[in-house]
N, C-alpha and C. Protein backbone atom coordinates (compact mmCIF):
# COMPACT_ATOMS: atom_id res chain seq x y z
N UNK A 1 40.48 37.18 86.11
CA UNK A 1 39.24 36.79 86.78
C UNK A 1 38.93 35.34 86.42
N UNK A 2 38.65 34.55 87.45
CA UNK A 2 38.27 33.15 87.22
C UNK A 2 37.01 32.83 87.99
N UNK A 3 36.13 32.06 87.35
CA UNK A 3 34.94 31.57 88.00
C UNK A 3 35.02 30.05 88.02
N UNK A 4 34.92 29.48 89.19
CA UNK A 4 35.02 28.03 89.34
C UNK A 4 33.70 27.49 89.85
N UNK A 5 33.01 26.79 88.96
CA UNK A 5 31.71 26.21 89.33
C UNK A 5 31.89 24.76 89.74
N UNK A 6 31.11 24.32 90.70
CA UNK A 6 31.15 22.94 91.15
C UNK A 6 29.80 22.54 91.73
N UNK A 7 29.66 21.25 92.01
CA UNK A 7 28.46 20.78 92.68
C UNK A 7 27.52 19.98 91.82
N UNK A 8 27.81 19.88 90.54
CA UNK A 8 26.95 19.10 89.67
C UNK A 8 27.08 17.61 89.96
N UNK A 9 26.20 16.83 89.34
CA UNK A 9 26.25 15.40 89.52
C UNK A 9 24.99 14.74 89.01
N UNK A 10 24.86 13.47 89.36
CA UNK A 10 23.69 12.68 88.97
C UNK A 10 22.73 12.57 90.14
N UNK A 11 21.46 12.88 89.88
CA UNK A 11 20.46 12.83 90.94
C UNK A 11 19.16 12.31 90.34
N UNK A 12 18.35 11.69 91.17
CA UNK A 12 17.06 11.20 90.71
C UNK A 12 16.03 12.32 90.69
N UNK A 13 14.98 12.11 89.93
CA UNK A 13 13.88 13.07 89.90
C UNK A 13 13.38 13.33 91.31
N UNK A 14 13.20 14.60 91.61
CA UNK A 14 12.76 14.99 92.94
C UNK A 14 13.89 15.29 93.90
N UNK A 15 15.11 15.01 93.50
CA UNK A 15 16.25 15.24 94.36
C UNK A 15 16.73 16.68 94.34
N UNK A 16 17.82 16.90 95.04
CA UNK A 16 18.37 18.25 95.19
C UNK A 16 19.87 18.26 94.93
N UNK A 17 20.34 19.39 94.47
CA UNK A 17 21.77 19.65 94.32
C UNK A 17 22.01 21.12 94.65
N UNK A 18 23.23 21.39 95.08
CA UNK A 18 23.62 22.78 95.35
C UNK A 18 24.88 23.08 94.57
N UNK A 19 24.76 24.00 93.64
CA UNK A 19 25.90 24.41 92.85
C UNK A 19 26.59 25.60 93.52
N UNK A 20 27.91 25.63 93.39
CA UNK A 20 28.70 26.73 93.92
C UNK A 20 29.53 27.35 92.81
N UNK A 21 29.77 28.63 92.92
CA UNK A 21 30.64 29.33 91.97
C UNK A 21 31.49 30.30 92.77
N UNK A 22 32.79 30.06 92.75
CA UNK A 22 33.72 30.92 93.47
C UNK A 22 34.41 31.83 92.45
N UNK A 23 34.42 33.10 92.74
CA UNK A 23 35.06 34.09 91.87
C UNK A 23 36.39 34.49 92.48
N UNK A 24 37.43 34.42 91.69
CA UNK A 24 38.75 34.82 92.16
C UNK A 24 39.36 35.83 91.20
N UNK A 25 40.29 36.61 91.71
CA UNK A 25 40.99 37.56 90.88
C UNK A 25 40.31 38.89 90.72
N UNK A 26 39.23 39.09 91.47
CA UNK A 26 38.51 40.34 91.33
C UNK A 26 37.60 40.54 92.54
N UNK A 27 37.19 41.78 92.71
CA UNK A 27 36.17 42.03 93.73
C UNK A 27 34.86 41.41 93.28
N UNK A 28 33.97 41.20 94.22
CA UNK A 28 32.76 40.44 93.94
C UNK A 28 31.51 41.19 94.37
N UNK A 29 31.64 41.99 95.40
CA UNK A 29 30.45 42.55 96.06
C UNK A 29 29.67 43.50 95.17
N UNK A 30 30.29 44.05 94.14
CA UNK A 30 29.59 45.02 93.30
C UNK A 30 29.14 44.42 91.98
N UNK A 31 29.12 43.09 91.90
CA UNK A 31 28.82 42.43 90.63
C UNK A 31 27.47 41.73 90.65
N UNK A 32 26.78 41.84 89.52
CA UNK A 32 25.60 41.01 89.27
C UNK A 32 26.09 39.64 88.84
N UNK A 33 25.55 38.62 89.48
CA UNK A 33 25.95 37.25 89.19
C UNK A 33 24.73 36.46 88.71
N UNK A 34 24.99 35.46 87.91
CA UNK A 34 23.87 34.67 87.39
C UNK A 34 24.31 33.25 87.10
N UNK A 35 23.31 32.40 87.02
CA UNK A 35 23.49 31.01 86.59
C UNK A 35 22.73 30.83 85.27
N UNK A 36 23.35 30.08 84.37
CA UNK A 36 22.76 29.75 83.09
C UNK A 36 22.89 28.25 82.88
N UNK A 37 22.16 27.71 81.93
CA UNK A 37 22.32 26.30 81.61
C UNK A 37 22.18 26.08 80.11
N UNK A 38 22.77 24.98 79.67
CA UNK A 38 22.76 24.68 78.24
C UNK A 38 22.71 23.17 78.03
N UNK A 39 21.85 22.76 77.11
CA UNK A 39 21.80 21.38 76.67
C UNK A 39 22.22 21.32 75.21
N UNK A 40 22.68 20.15 74.76
CA UNK A 40 23.17 20.03 73.37
C UNK A 40 22.13 20.50 72.35
N UNK A 41 22.57 21.32 71.42
CA UNK A 41 21.70 21.77 70.36
C UNK A 41 20.81 22.94 70.72
N UNK A 42 20.90 23.40 71.96
CA UNK A 42 20.07 24.52 72.39
C UNK A 42 20.93 25.68 72.83
N UNK A 43 20.32 26.85 72.80
CA UNK A 43 21.02 28.04 73.27
C UNK A 43 21.12 28.02 74.79
N UNK A 44 22.16 28.65 75.27
CA UNK A 44 22.31 28.79 76.71
C UNK A 44 21.19 29.69 77.21
N UNK A 45 20.56 29.29 78.30
CA UNK A 45 19.46 30.07 78.85
C UNK A 45 19.78 30.53 80.26
N UNK A 46 19.27 31.71 80.56
CA UNK A 46 19.41 32.27 81.90
C UNK A 46 18.49 31.49 82.85
N UNK A 47 19.02 31.11 83.99
CA UNK A 47 18.25 30.40 85.01
C UNK A 47 17.90 31.32 86.17
N UNK A 48 18.90 32.03 86.69
CA UNK A 48 18.67 32.87 87.86
C UNK A 48 19.72 33.97 87.91
N UNK A 49 19.30 35.10 88.44
CA UNK A 49 20.18 36.26 88.57
C UNK A 49 20.08 36.79 89.99
N UNK A 50 21.20 37.24 90.53
CA UNK A 50 21.17 37.92 91.83
C UNK A 50 21.92 39.23 91.70
N UNK A 51 21.24 40.29 92.11
CA UNK A 51 21.83 41.62 92.00
C UNK A 51 22.73 41.92 93.19
N UNK A 52 23.36 43.07 93.13
CA UNK A 52 24.30 43.46 94.18
C UNK A 52 23.59 43.52 95.54
N UNK A 53 22.38 44.05 95.54
CA UNK A 53 21.64 44.18 96.79
C UNK A 53 20.93 42.92 97.23
N UNK A 54 21.02 41.87 96.41
CA UNK A 54 20.41 40.60 96.79
C UNK A 54 19.09 40.29 96.14
N UNK A 55 18.56 41.22 95.35
CA UNK A 55 17.31 40.91 94.67
C UNK A 55 17.56 39.84 93.62
N UNK A 56 16.55 39.02 93.37
CA UNK A 56 16.72 37.87 92.50
C UNK A 56 15.67 37.81 91.41
N UNK A 57 16.00 37.08 90.38
CA UNK A 57 15.08 36.84 89.27
C UNK A 57 15.31 35.43 88.78
N UNK A 58 14.20 34.75 88.44
CA UNK A 58 14.29 33.36 87.98
C UNK A 58 13.50 33.18 86.69
N UNK A 59 13.97 32.26 85.88
CA UNK A 59 13.18 31.85 84.73
C UNK A 59 11.96 31.10 85.26
N UNK A 60 10.86 31.21 84.57
CA UNK A 60 9.60 30.66 85.08
C UNK A 60 9.70 29.17 85.40
N UNK A 61 10.45 28.43 84.63
CA UNK A 61 10.48 26.97 84.79
C UNK A 61 11.13 26.51 86.10
N UNK A 62 11.86 27.40 86.78
CA UNK A 62 12.53 27.00 88.02
C UNK A 62 12.00 27.74 89.24
N UNK A 63 11.07 28.65 89.04
CA UNK A 63 10.54 29.41 90.16
C UNK A 63 9.91 28.47 91.18
N UNK A 64 10.24 28.72 92.44
CA UNK A 64 9.73 27.89 93.51
C UNK A 64 10.55 26.64 93.77
N UNK A 65 11.48 26.33 92.89
CA UNK A 65 12.32 25.14 93.06
C UNK A 65 13.79 25.49 93.25
N UNK A 66 14.25 26.53 92.59
CA UNK A 66 15.66 26.94 92.66
C UNK A 66 15.79 28.22 93.47
N UNK A 67 16.91 28.35 94.15
CA UNK A 67 17.21 29.56 94.90
C UNK A 67 18.66 29.97 94.67
N UNK A 68 18.84 31.20 94.23
CA UNK A 68 20.19 31.75 94.06
C UNK A 68 20.52 32.61 95.27
N UNK A 69 21.75 32.51 95.72
CA UNK A 69 22.18 33.29 96.87
C UNK A 69 23.67 33.62 96.72
N UNK A 70 24.14 34.53 97.55
CA UNK A 70 25.53 34.95 97.45
C UNK A 70 26.08 35.28 98.83
N UNK A 71 27.38 35.14 98.94
CA UNK A 71 28.11 35.57 100.13
C UNK A 71 29.27 36.40 99.64
N UNK A 72 29.17 37.71 99.79
CA UNK A 72 30.21 38.59 99.24
C UNK A 72 31.55 38.40 99.95
N UNK A 73 31.51 38.02 101.20
CA UNK A 73 32.76 37.82 101.95
C UNK A 73 33.51 36.59 101.43
N UNK A 74 32.76 35.65 100.85
CA UNK A 74 33.38 34.42 100.34
C UNK A 74 33.53 34.43 98.82
N UNK A 75 33.13 35.54 98.20
CA UNK A 75 33.18 35.62 96.73
C UNK A 75 32.49 34.41 96.08
N UNK A 76 31.37 34.04 96.65
CA UNK A 76 30.70 32.82 96.20
C UNK A 76 29.23 33.08 95.93
N UNK A 77 28.73 32.46 94.87
CA UNK A 77 27.30 32.46 94.58
C UNK A 77 26.87 31.00 94.48
N UNK A 78 25.68 30.72 95.01
CA UNK A 78 25.17 29.35 95.02
C UNK A 78 23.86 29.27 94.22
N UNK A 79 23.58 28.07 93.78
CA UNK A 79 22.27 27.78 93.21
C UNK A 79 21.75 26.51 93.87
N UNK A 80 20.79 26.67 94.77
CA UNK A 80 20.17 25.54 95.41
C UNK A 80 19.04 25.06 94.50
N UNK A 81 19.12 23.81 94.11
CA UNK A 81 18.13 23.25 93.18
C UNK A 81 17.38 22.11 93.86
N UNK A 82 16.09 22.30 94.05
CA UNK A 82 15.24 21.30 94.68
C UNK A 82 14.20 20.79 93.68
N UNK A 83 13.60 19.67 94.02
CA UNK A 83 12.56 19.08 93.17
C UNK A 83 13.01 19.00 91.71
N UNK A 84 14.20 18.48 91.54
CA UNK A 84 14.78 18.44 90.19
C UNK A 84 13.99 17.51 89.28
N UNK A 85 13.95 17.92 88.01
CA UNK A 85 13.22 17.20 86.98
C UNK A 85 14.18 16.84 85.86
N UNK A 86 13.86 15.80 85.09
CA UNK A 86 14.75 15.45 83.96
C UNK A 86 15.02 16.63 83.03
N UNK A 87 14.05 17.52 82.92
CA UNK A 87 14.21 18.70 82.05
C UNK A 87 15.27 19.67 82.56
N UNK A 88 15.70 19.50 83.80
CA UNK A 88 16.75 20.35 84.36
C UNK A 88 18.14 19.85 83.99
N UNK A 89 18.23 18.70 83.36
CA UNK A 89 19.51 18.16 82.94
C UNK A 89 20.18 19.12 81.97
N UNK A 90 21.41 19.53 82.30
CA UNK A 90 22.13 20.50 81.49
C UNK A 90 23.50 20.73 82.09
N UNK A 91 24.33 21.43 81.35
CA UNK A 91 25.56 21.98 81.93
C UNK A 91 25.23 23.36 82.46
N UNK A 92 25.54 23.59 83.71
CA UNK A 92 25.23 24.85 84.37
C UNK A 92 26.49 25.71 84.46
N UNK A 93 26.33 26.97 84.10
CA UNK A 93 27.43 27.91 84.07
C UNK A 93 27.12 29.11 84.96
N UNK A 94 28.13 29.60 85.65
CA UNK A 94 27.95 30.86 86.37
C UNK A 94 28.58 31.99 85.55
N UNK A 95 28.05 33.17 85.76
CA UNK A 95 28.47 34.33 84.97
C UNK A 95 28.57 35.56 85.84
N UNK A 96 29.61 36.33 85.60
CA UNK A 96 29.72 37.65 86.19
C UNK A 96 29.39 38.64 85.08
N UNK A 97 28.40 39.46 85.30
CA UNK A 97 27.93 40.35 84.25
C UNK A 97 29.01 41.33 83.79
N UNK A 98 29.70 41.92 84.75
CA UNK A 98 30.76 42.88 84.42
C UNK A 98 31.90 42.15 83.72
N UNK A 99 32.12 42.47 82.50
CA UNK A 99 33.16 41.80 81.74
C UNK A 99 32.71 40.51 81.08
N UNK A 100 31.47 40.06 81.41
CA UNK A 100 30.90 38.85 80.83
C UNK A 100 31.84 37.65 80.99
N UNK A 101 32.22 37.39 82.24
CA UNK A 101 33.08 36.25 82.52
C UNK A 101 32.22 35.02 82.81
N UNK A 102 32.71 33.85 82.31
CA UNK A 102 32.00 32.59 82.49
C UNK A 102 32.89 31.56 83.17
N UNK A 103 32.27 30.74 84.00
CA UNK A 103 32.94 29.57 84.52
C UNK A 103 32.90 28.45 83.49
N UNK A 104 33.58 27.34 83.77
CA UNK A 104 33.65 26.24 82.81
C UNK A 104 32.41 25.38 82.77
N UNK A 105 31.59 25.48 83.76
CA UNK A 105 30.35 24.70 83.74
C UNK A 105 30.45 23.44 84.56
N UNK A 106 29.31 23.03 85.08
CA UNK A 106 29.22 21.81 85.84
C UNK A 106 27.97 21.06 85.39
N UNK A 107 28.12 19.76 85.15
CA UNK A 107 27.04 18.97 84.57
C UNK A 107 26.07 18.49 85.63
N UNK A 108 24.81 18.74 85.39
CA UNK A 108 23.72 18.24 86.23
C UNK A 108 22.90 17.26 85.40
N UNK A 109 22.76 16.05 85.92
CA UNK A 109 21.98 15.03 85.23
C UNK A 109 20.89 14.54 86.17
N UNK A 110 19.64 14.64 85.72
CA UNK A 110 18.51 14.20 86.53
C UNK A 110 17.89 12.99 85.85
N UNK A 111 17.92 11.87 86.55
CA UNK A 111 17.38 10.65 85.97
C UNK A 111 15.90 10.49 86.32
N UNK A 112 15.16 9.90 85.40
CA UNK A 112 13.72 9.73 85.62
C UNK A 112 13.42 8.40 86.28
């Protein structure tokens, strides 16, 4: 099983980015998927989760700004990030709950 995350980059405050995570080597439709982020010296934190049926959960700090979505036919989960703030700067990781698989991470940098 491999998770390939992409879409990170440098953006100004208030900008947007869309992260993608493609899962290969396994079925996808029955898996809970999530995005997490980590900054140096801090623990990795959960950002957003999407269940098999499409229900979602967000950490309070990103509610109303981030949207997690999935396409089971494409084995892909996205994280649309709007109104980005410098505090959102981190390496973002996607995770498949079953088996606790992680992608390598993609760096998001928000400049003030």
